């Protein structure tokens, strides 16, 4: 017969509530009694019933992750974030519930529909700017939420310090006497004035008083980057000494474009990507990249939501995490 929480309580000589507390407590084992309960549960391969636990605690033991359509699910960075979130939630809480919205941005109708049809302990909004009316709805619904990957003054967020990463990469190139650095932005030209990575590059150019300043739009994709760089060179654009890309996918495309022109990345043109979400692949091709601390950022999101859930206290978390320049000799001279 299936072992129940009552059986564990009887064998341990404690109450059912004590067993429930011990099995659901997060963190280190705090007493011999706690240890004994854990040992008995493991002996019988006991797994708490999620539905019963949810009814008792009022928690669903899952966190909703919202992505809007333009984010896509093909980027190594996005997939790494989803995988890491799922692993951390699975180890400590329950499940990650992914919802990809069809609209080009998260709007009031989307959020109302989501809140009405989901049951999550909190919401992580992936790299989206939340309108004021959506923030007001979430506040009224008293649903813990946090934005991942984008700074937003009016709500909680965790993100990488993109500007610091670009400066670190640019300074590494400058220290190697690279004065002609081309930047591949993920944004269209009309949006570059709001893009942190693009503006950080332009700031580096201004700080060093450099004459060469070239930005092409790569749309965070290999295809758009190949087309944009091809158009740049076809229009008589000067071959740079180095290329910085706002993500690794665009850096991969730049490698192919350079090779098609008979240039050797790492010898003729230095190259730096951003994210380093696939370090094994970057090791294999020798791509220098600015690594985002995905593990730290994802864990901070989850802990923030459950801190609010458990303490029932509103809080504001606005945290930027420092990236790391990972130098690989294949593309950085």
Protein backbone atom coordinates (compact mmCIF):
# COMPACT_ATOMS: atom_id res chain seq x y z
CA UNK A 1 0.00 0.00 0.00
CA UNK A 2 1.05 3.58 -0.66
CA UNK A 3 2.77 5.21 2.30
CA UNK A 4 0.97 8.31 3.59
CA UNK A 5 2.00 11.22 5.75
CA UNK A 6 0.13 9.55 8.62
CA UNK A 7 2.37 6.46 8.33
CA UNK A 8 5.50 8.62 8.50
CA UNK A 9 4.15 10.50 11.51
CA UNK A 10 3.33 7.23 13.30
CA UNK A 11 6.79 5.74 12.71
CA UNK A 12 8.57 8.96 13.67
CA UNK A 13 6.41 9.39 16.77
CA UNK A 14 5.39 12.92 15.87
CA UNK A 15 2.28 14.75 14.72
CA UNK A 16 1.20 15.00 11.09
CA UNK A 17 1.76 18.77 11.18
CA UNK A 18 5.36 18.23 12.30
CA UNK A 19 5.96 15.88 9.36
CA UNK A 20 4.38 18.36 6.95
CA UNK A 21 6.55 21.17 8.30
CA UNK A 22 9.73 19.10 8.08
CA UNK A 23 9.10 17.87 4.54
CA UNK A 24 8.18 21.30 3.21
CA UNK A 25 10.85 23.27 5.05
CA UNK A 26 13.50 24.75 2.79
CA UNK A 27 17.16 24.97 3.72
CA UNK A 28 19.27 22.96 6.15
CA UNK A 29 18.02 20.25 8.51
CA UNK A 30 17.59 21.93 11.88
CA UNK A 31 17.10 19.06 14.36
CA UNK A 32 17.46 15.32 14.91
CA UNK A 33 13.68 14.98 14.72
CA UNK A 34 13.70 16.74 11.36
CA UNK A 35 16.47 14.41 10.16
CA UNK A 36 14.55 11.34 11.32
CA UNK A 37 11.45 12.38 9.38
CA UNK A 38 13.49 12.93 6.23
CA UNK A 39 15.13 9.51 6.61
CA UNK A 40 11.77 7.74 6.97
CA UNK A 41 10.32 9.57 3.97
CA UNK A 42 13.32 8.57 1.86
CA UNK A 43 13.13 4.95 3.06
CA UNK A 44 9.60 4.64 1.71
CA UNK A 45 10.23 6.91 -1.34
CA UNK A 46 7.47 9.17 -0.06
CA UNK A 47 6.53 12.10 -2.31
CA UNK A 48 4.10 14.71 -0.91
CA UNK A 49 0.86 15.01 -2.85
CA UNK A 50 1.11 18.30 -4.68
CA UNK A 51 -2.65 18.87 -4.84
CA UNK A 52 -3.12 18.23 -1.14
CA UNK A 53 -0.19 20.43 -0.26
CA UNK A 54 -1.55 23.17 -2.49
CA UNK A 55 -4.96 23.05 -0.81
CA UNK A 56 -3.39 23.17 2.63
CA UNK A 57 -0.92 25.96 1.93
CA UNK A 58 -2.79 28.01 -0.62
CA UNK A 59 0.24 27.77 -2.92
CA UNK A 60 0.39 26.24 -6.39
CA UNK A 61 4.14 25.61 -6.13
CA UNK A 62 4.73 26.97 -9.61
CA UNK A 63 5.88 30.25 -11.06
CA UNK A 64 4.59 31.59 -14.36
CA UNK A 65 7.08 32.76 -16.98
CA UNK A 66 5.66 35.13 -19.58
CA UNK A 67 7.34 35.64 -22.94
CA UNK A 68 5.84 37.74 -25.68
CA UNK A 69 5.96 36.48 -29.23
CA UNK A 70 8.90 38.46 -30.57
CA UNK A 71 11.18 36.91 -27.96
CA UNK A 72 10.96 33.51 -29.66
CA UNK A 73 12.28 30.24 -28.30
CA UNK A 74 15.29 29.66 -30.54
CA UNK A 75 17.87 31.91 -28.91
CA UNK A 76 20.52 30.04 -26.86
CA UNK A 77 20.29 32.81 -24.26
CA UNK A 78 16.52 32.49 -23.85
CA UNK A 79 16.68 28.70 -23.73
CA UNK A 80 19.46 28.85 -21.13
CA UNK A 81 17.38 31.21 -18.97
CA UNK A 82 14.30 28.98 -19.19
CA UNK A 83 16.31 25.86 -18.43
CA UNK A 84 18.03 27.46 -15.42
CA UNK A 85 14.75 28.81 -14.03
CA UNK A 86 13.14 25.40 -14.40
CA UNK A 87 16.04 23.66 -12.65
CA UNK A 88 16.11 26.05 -9.69
CA UNK A 89 12.33 26.00 -9.20
CA UNK A 90 12.29 22.22 -9.52
CA UNK A 91 14.97 21.78 -6.89
CA UNK A 92 13.37 24.03 -4.31
CA UNK A 93 9.70 24.73 -5.01
CA UNK A 94 7.83 23.00 -7.82
CA UNK A 95 7.33 23.87 -11.47
CA UNK A 96 7.93 26.54 -14.06
CA UNK A 97 4.81 27.30 -16.10
CA UNK A 98 5.79 28.82 -19.44
CA UNK A 99 3.33 31.02 -21.32
CA UNK A 100 4.25 32.53 -24.68
CA UNK A 101 1.90 35.38 -25.54
CA UNK A 102 0.92 35.96 -29.16
CA UNK A 103 0.78 39.74 -29.04
CA UNK A 104 3.93 41.76 -29.87
CA UNK A 105 4.03 43.11 -26.30
CA UNK A 106 2.43 42.36 -22.95
CA UNK A 107 -0.78 44.42 -22.72
CA UNK A 108 -3.70 44.73 -20.32
CA UNK A 109 -5.88 42.20 -22.14
CA UNK A 110 -3.09 39.60 -22.13
CA UNK A 111 -2.51 40.03 -18.42
CA UNK A 112 -6.19 39.85 -17.51
CA UNK A 113 -6.55 36.64 -19.52
CA UNK A 114 -3.45 35.16 -17.94
CA UNK A 115 -4.46 36.00 -14.37
CA UNK A 116 -7.94 34.62 -14.98
CA UNK A 117 -6.76 31.28 -16.35
CA UNK A 118 -3.57 30.52 -14.47
CA UNK A 119 -2.76 29.66 -10.90
CA UNK A 120 0.80 30.66 -10.11
CA UNK A 121 2.49 31.83 -6.93
CA UNK A 122 4.12 34.62 -8.90
CA UNK A 123 5.05 35.82 -12.37
CA UNK A 124 8.39 36.39 -14.06
CA UNK A 125 8.04 38.64 -17.09
CA UNK A 126 10.84 37.98 -19.55
CA UNK A 127 12.55 41.06 -20.99
CA UNK A 128 9.40 43.11 -21.55
CA UNK A 129 8.48 46.67 -20.73
CA UNK A 130 5.30 46.64 -18.65
CA UNK A 131 2.77 49.43 -19.31
CA UNK A 132 1.45 51.35 -16.31
CA UNK A 133 -2.00 49.80 -16.58
CA UNK A 134 -0.54 46.28 -16.44
CA UNK A 135 1.48 47.17 -13.34
CA UNK A 136 -1.66 48.60 -11.73
CA UNK A 137 -3.58 45.38 -12.52
CA UNK A 138 -0.86 43.20 -10.99
CA UNK A 139 -0.78 45.38 -7.89
CA UNK A 140 -4.56 45.15 -7.50
CA UNK A 141 -4.46 41.38 -7.96
CA UNK A 142 -1.69 41.21 -5.34
CA UNK A 143 0.29 38.86 -7.57
CA UNK A 144 4.06 38.92 -6.93
CA UNK A 145 5.89 39.68 -10.16
CA UNK A 146 9.32 40.68 -11.39
CA UNK A 147 10.82 41.62 -14.74
CA UNK A 148 13.78 39.54 -15.86
CA UNK A 149 16.45 40.99 -18.12
CA UNK A 150 15.28 44.57 -18.40
CA UNK A 151 15.56 47.60 -16.15
CA UNK A 152 12.28 49.32 -15.33
CA UNK A 153 12.07 52.15 -12.84
CA UNK A 154 8.51 51.52 -11.66
CA UNK A 155 8.73 47.83 -10.71
CA UNK A 156 11.03 45.07 -9.50
CA UNK A 157 13.60 43.70 -11.91
CA UNK A 158 16.85 41.80 -12.16
CA UNK A 159 19.12 42.24 -15.15
CA UNK A 160 22.69 42.22 -16.33
CA UNK A 161 24.64 45.48 -16.18
CA UNK A 162 24.81 45.64 -19.96
CA UNK A 163 26.61 48.97 -20.10
CA UNK A 164 29.38 47.70 -17.82
CA UNK A 165 29.78 44.62 -20.01
CA UNK A 166 30.11 46.64 -23.20
CA UNK A 167 32.64 48.94 -21.56
CA UNK A 168 34.71 45.99 -20.34
CA UNK A 169 34.74 44.45 -23.80
CA UNK A 170 35.54 47.74 -25.52
CA UNK A 171 38.35 48.49 -23.07
CA UNK A 172 39.85 45.06 -23.77
CA UNK A 173 39.91 45.89 -27.48
CA UNK A 174 41.30 49.38 -26.86
CA UNK A 175 44.09 47.94 -24.70
CA UNK A 176 45.03 45.83 -27.74
CA UNK A 177 45.26 48.97 -29.91
CA UNK A 178 41.93 48.45 -31.66
CA UNK A 179 40.71 51.91 -32.62
CA UNK A 180 38.23 50.98 -35.35
CA UNK A 181 35.48 48.98 -33.64
CA UNK A 182 32.20 48.26 -35.42
CA UNK A 183 29.14 47.48 -33.29
CA UNK A 184 26.28 45.15 -34.25
CA UNK A 185 23.16 46.29 -32.41
CA UNK A 186 20.16 44.07 -31.84
CA UNK A 187 17.81 47.00 -32.38
CA UNK A 188 16.46 48.80 -35.39
CA UNK A 189 17.91 52.24 -36.01
CA UNK A 190 14.81 53.99 -34.65
CA UNK A 191 15.20 52.21 -31.30
CA UNK A 192 18.96 52.50 -30.82
CA UNK A 193 18.68 55.66 -28.73
CA UNK A 194 16.91 53.56 -26.05
CA UNK A 195 19.15 50.48 -26.30
CA UNK A 196 21.58 50.23 -23.39
CA UNK A 197 24.24 48.21 -25.22
CA UNK A 198 24.26 50.46 -28.28
CA UNK A 199 24.44 53.59 -26.18
CA UNK A 200 27.27 52.12 -24.11
CA UNK A 201 29.26 51.51 -27.30
CA UNK A 202 28.65 55.09 -28.45
CA UNK A 203 29.72 56.30 -25.00
CA UNK A 204 33.00 54.38 -25.30
CA UNK A 205 33.66 55.95 -28.69
CA UNK A 206 33.05 59.41 -27.24
CA UNK A 207 35.12 58.78 -24.10
CA UNK A 208 38.14 57.71 -26.15
CA UNK A 209 37.63 60.42 -28.78
CA UNK A 210 37.67 57.94 -31.66
CA UNK A 211 36.79 58.93 -35.23
CA UNK A 212 35.58 55.50 -36.37
CA UNK A 213 31.98 54.93 -35.24
CA UNK A 214 29.88 52.37 -37.09
CA UNK A 215 26.67 50.69 -35.94
CA UNK A 216 24.68 48.17 -37.96
CA UNK A 217 21.37 46.60 -36.94
CA UNK A 218 21.46 42.84 -36.60
CA UNK A 219 18.04 42.21 -35.06
CA UNK A 220 19.53 39.67 -32.61
CA UNK A 221 19.51 37.12 -35.45
CA UNK A 222 22.09 35.53 -37.75
CA UNK A 223 20.08 36.24 -40.89
CA UNK A 224 19.58 39.95 -40.25
CA UNK A 225 23.20 40.35 -39.17
CA UNK A 226 24.51 38.67 -42.32
CA UNK A 227 22.34 40.95 -44.46
CA UNK A 228 23.29 44.10 -42.54
CA UNK A 229 27.03 43.41 -42.59
CA UNK A 230 26.83 42.39 -46.24
CA UNK A 231 25.15 45.70 -47.05
CA UNK A 232 27.76 47.59 -45.02
CA UNK A 233 30.68 46.08 -46.93
CA UNK A 234 28.87 46.26 -50.27
CA UNK A 235 28.37 49.98 -49.70
CA UNK A 236 32.09 50.53 -49.32
CA UNK A 237 32.25 50.32 -45.52
CA UNK A 238 35.78 50.25 -44.14
CA UNK A 239 36.98 46.94 -42.68
CA UNK A 240 37.13 47.41 -38.91
CA UNK A 241 39.90 46.22 -36.64
CA UNK A 242 37.30 44.66 -34.35
CA UNK A 243 33.59 43.87 -34.18
CA UNK A 244 31.44 43.86 -31.05
CA UNK A 245 28.07 42.14 -31.27
CA UNK A 246 25.17 42.64 -28.85
CA UNK A 247 24.66 38.87 -28.65
CA UNK A 248 26.52 35.71 -29.65
CA UNK A 249 24.11 34.80 -32.46
CA UNK A 250 25.09 37.99 -34.29
CA UNK A 251 28.76 37.31 -33.57
CA UNK A 252 28.42 33.87 -35.21
CA UNK A 253 26.98 35.53 -38.31
CA UNK A 254 29.82 38.07 -38.33
CA UNK A 255 32.37 35.23 -38.35
CA UNK A 256 30.81 33.78 -41.51
CA UNK A 257 30.59 37.16 -43.24
CA UNK A 258 34.24 37.89 -42.48
CA UNK A 259 35.29 34.46 -43.75
CA UNK A 260 33.31 34.96 -46.95
CA UNK A 261 35.33 38.14 -47.53
CA UNK A 262 38.59 36.26 -47.03
CA UNK A 263 39.19 37.72 -43.56
CA UNK A 264 40.25 35.55 -40.61
CA UNK A 265 38.47 36.30 -37.31
CA UNK A 266 41.06 36.68 -34.59
CA UNK A 267 43.82 37.54 -37.05
CA UNK A 268 42.42 40.19 -39.38
CA UNK A 269 39.46 41.27 -37.25
CA UNK A 270 38.98 40.76 -33.50
CA UNK A 271 35.50 39.76 -32.38
CA UNK A 272 33.48 39.89 -29.14
CA UNK A 273 29.96 38.55 -28.55
CA UNK A 274 27.55 38.96 -25.65
CA UNK A 275 25.67 36.47 -23.38
CA UNK A 276 27.98 33.40 -23.48
CA UNK A 277 24.88 31.25 -22.98
CA UNK A 278 26.53 28.36 -24.85
CA UNK A 279 30.08 28.32 -23.44
CA UNK A 280 30.88 24.88 -24.85
CA UNK A 281 30.22 26.06 -28.40
CA UNK A 282 32.11 29.30 -27.78
CA UNK A 283 35.04 27.31 -26.43
CA UNK A 284 35.00 25.18 -29.58
CA UNK A 285 35.13 28.15 -31.96
CA UNK A 286 37.16 30.39 -29.67
CA UNK A 287 34.62 33.20 -29.40
CA UNK A 288 35.35 35.82 -26.76
CA UNK A 289 32.06 36.81 -25.13
CA UNK A 290 30.61 38.89 -22.32
CA UNK A 291 28.93 36.36 -20.02
CA UNK A 292 25.68 37.21 -18.31
CA UNK A 293 25.32 35.76 -14.77
CA UNK A 294 22.16 33.83 -15.67
CA UNK A 295 22.30 31.61 -12.58
CA UNK A 296 22.44 34.55 -10.17
CA UNK A 297 19.70 36.47 -11.96
CA UNK A 298 17.26 33.57 -12.20
CA UNK A 299 17.76 32.53 -8.58
CA UNK A 300 17.19 36.11 -7.43
CA UNK A 301 13.83 36.22 -9.28
CA UNK A 302 12.56 33.02 -7.70
CA UNK A 303 13.72 33.89 -4.18
CA UNK A 304 12.16 37.34 -4.50
CA UNK A 305 8.74 35.95 -5.40
CA UNK A 306 8.69 33.40 -2.57
CA UNK A 307 9.98 35.97 -0.10
CA UNK A 308 6.83 37.97 -0.81
CA UNK A 309 4.62 34.87 -0.76
CA UNK A 310 5.95 33.65 2.58
CA UNK A 311 6.13 37.03 4.33
CA UNK A 312 3.12 38.58 2.59
CA UNK A 313 4.98 41.86 2.45
CA UNK A 314 5.35 44.05 -0.64
CA UNK A 315 8.96 44.69 -1.57
CA UNK A 316 10.92 46.28 -4.38
CA UNK A 317 13.97 44.56 -5.83
CA UNK A 318 15.97 46.40 -8.47
CA UNK A 319 19.25 44.62 -9.03
CA UNK A 320 21.88 44.71 -11.77
CA UNK A 321 24.44 41.94 -11.89
CA UNK A 322 27.97 42.41 -13.19
CA UNK A 323 28.85 40.44 -16.34
CA UNK A 324 32.21 38.80 -17.01
CA UNK A 325 34.40 39.09 -20.09
CA UNK A 326 35.41 35.55 -21.08
CA UNK A 327 38.50 35.83 -23.27
CA UNK A 328 39.08 33.10 -25.83
CA UNK A 329 42.17 33.41 -27.98
CA UNK A 330 40.43 32.43 -31.21
CA UNK A 331 38.75 35.79 -31.79
CA UNK A 332 40.35 38.36 -29.49
CA UNK A 333 43.77 39.52 -30.69
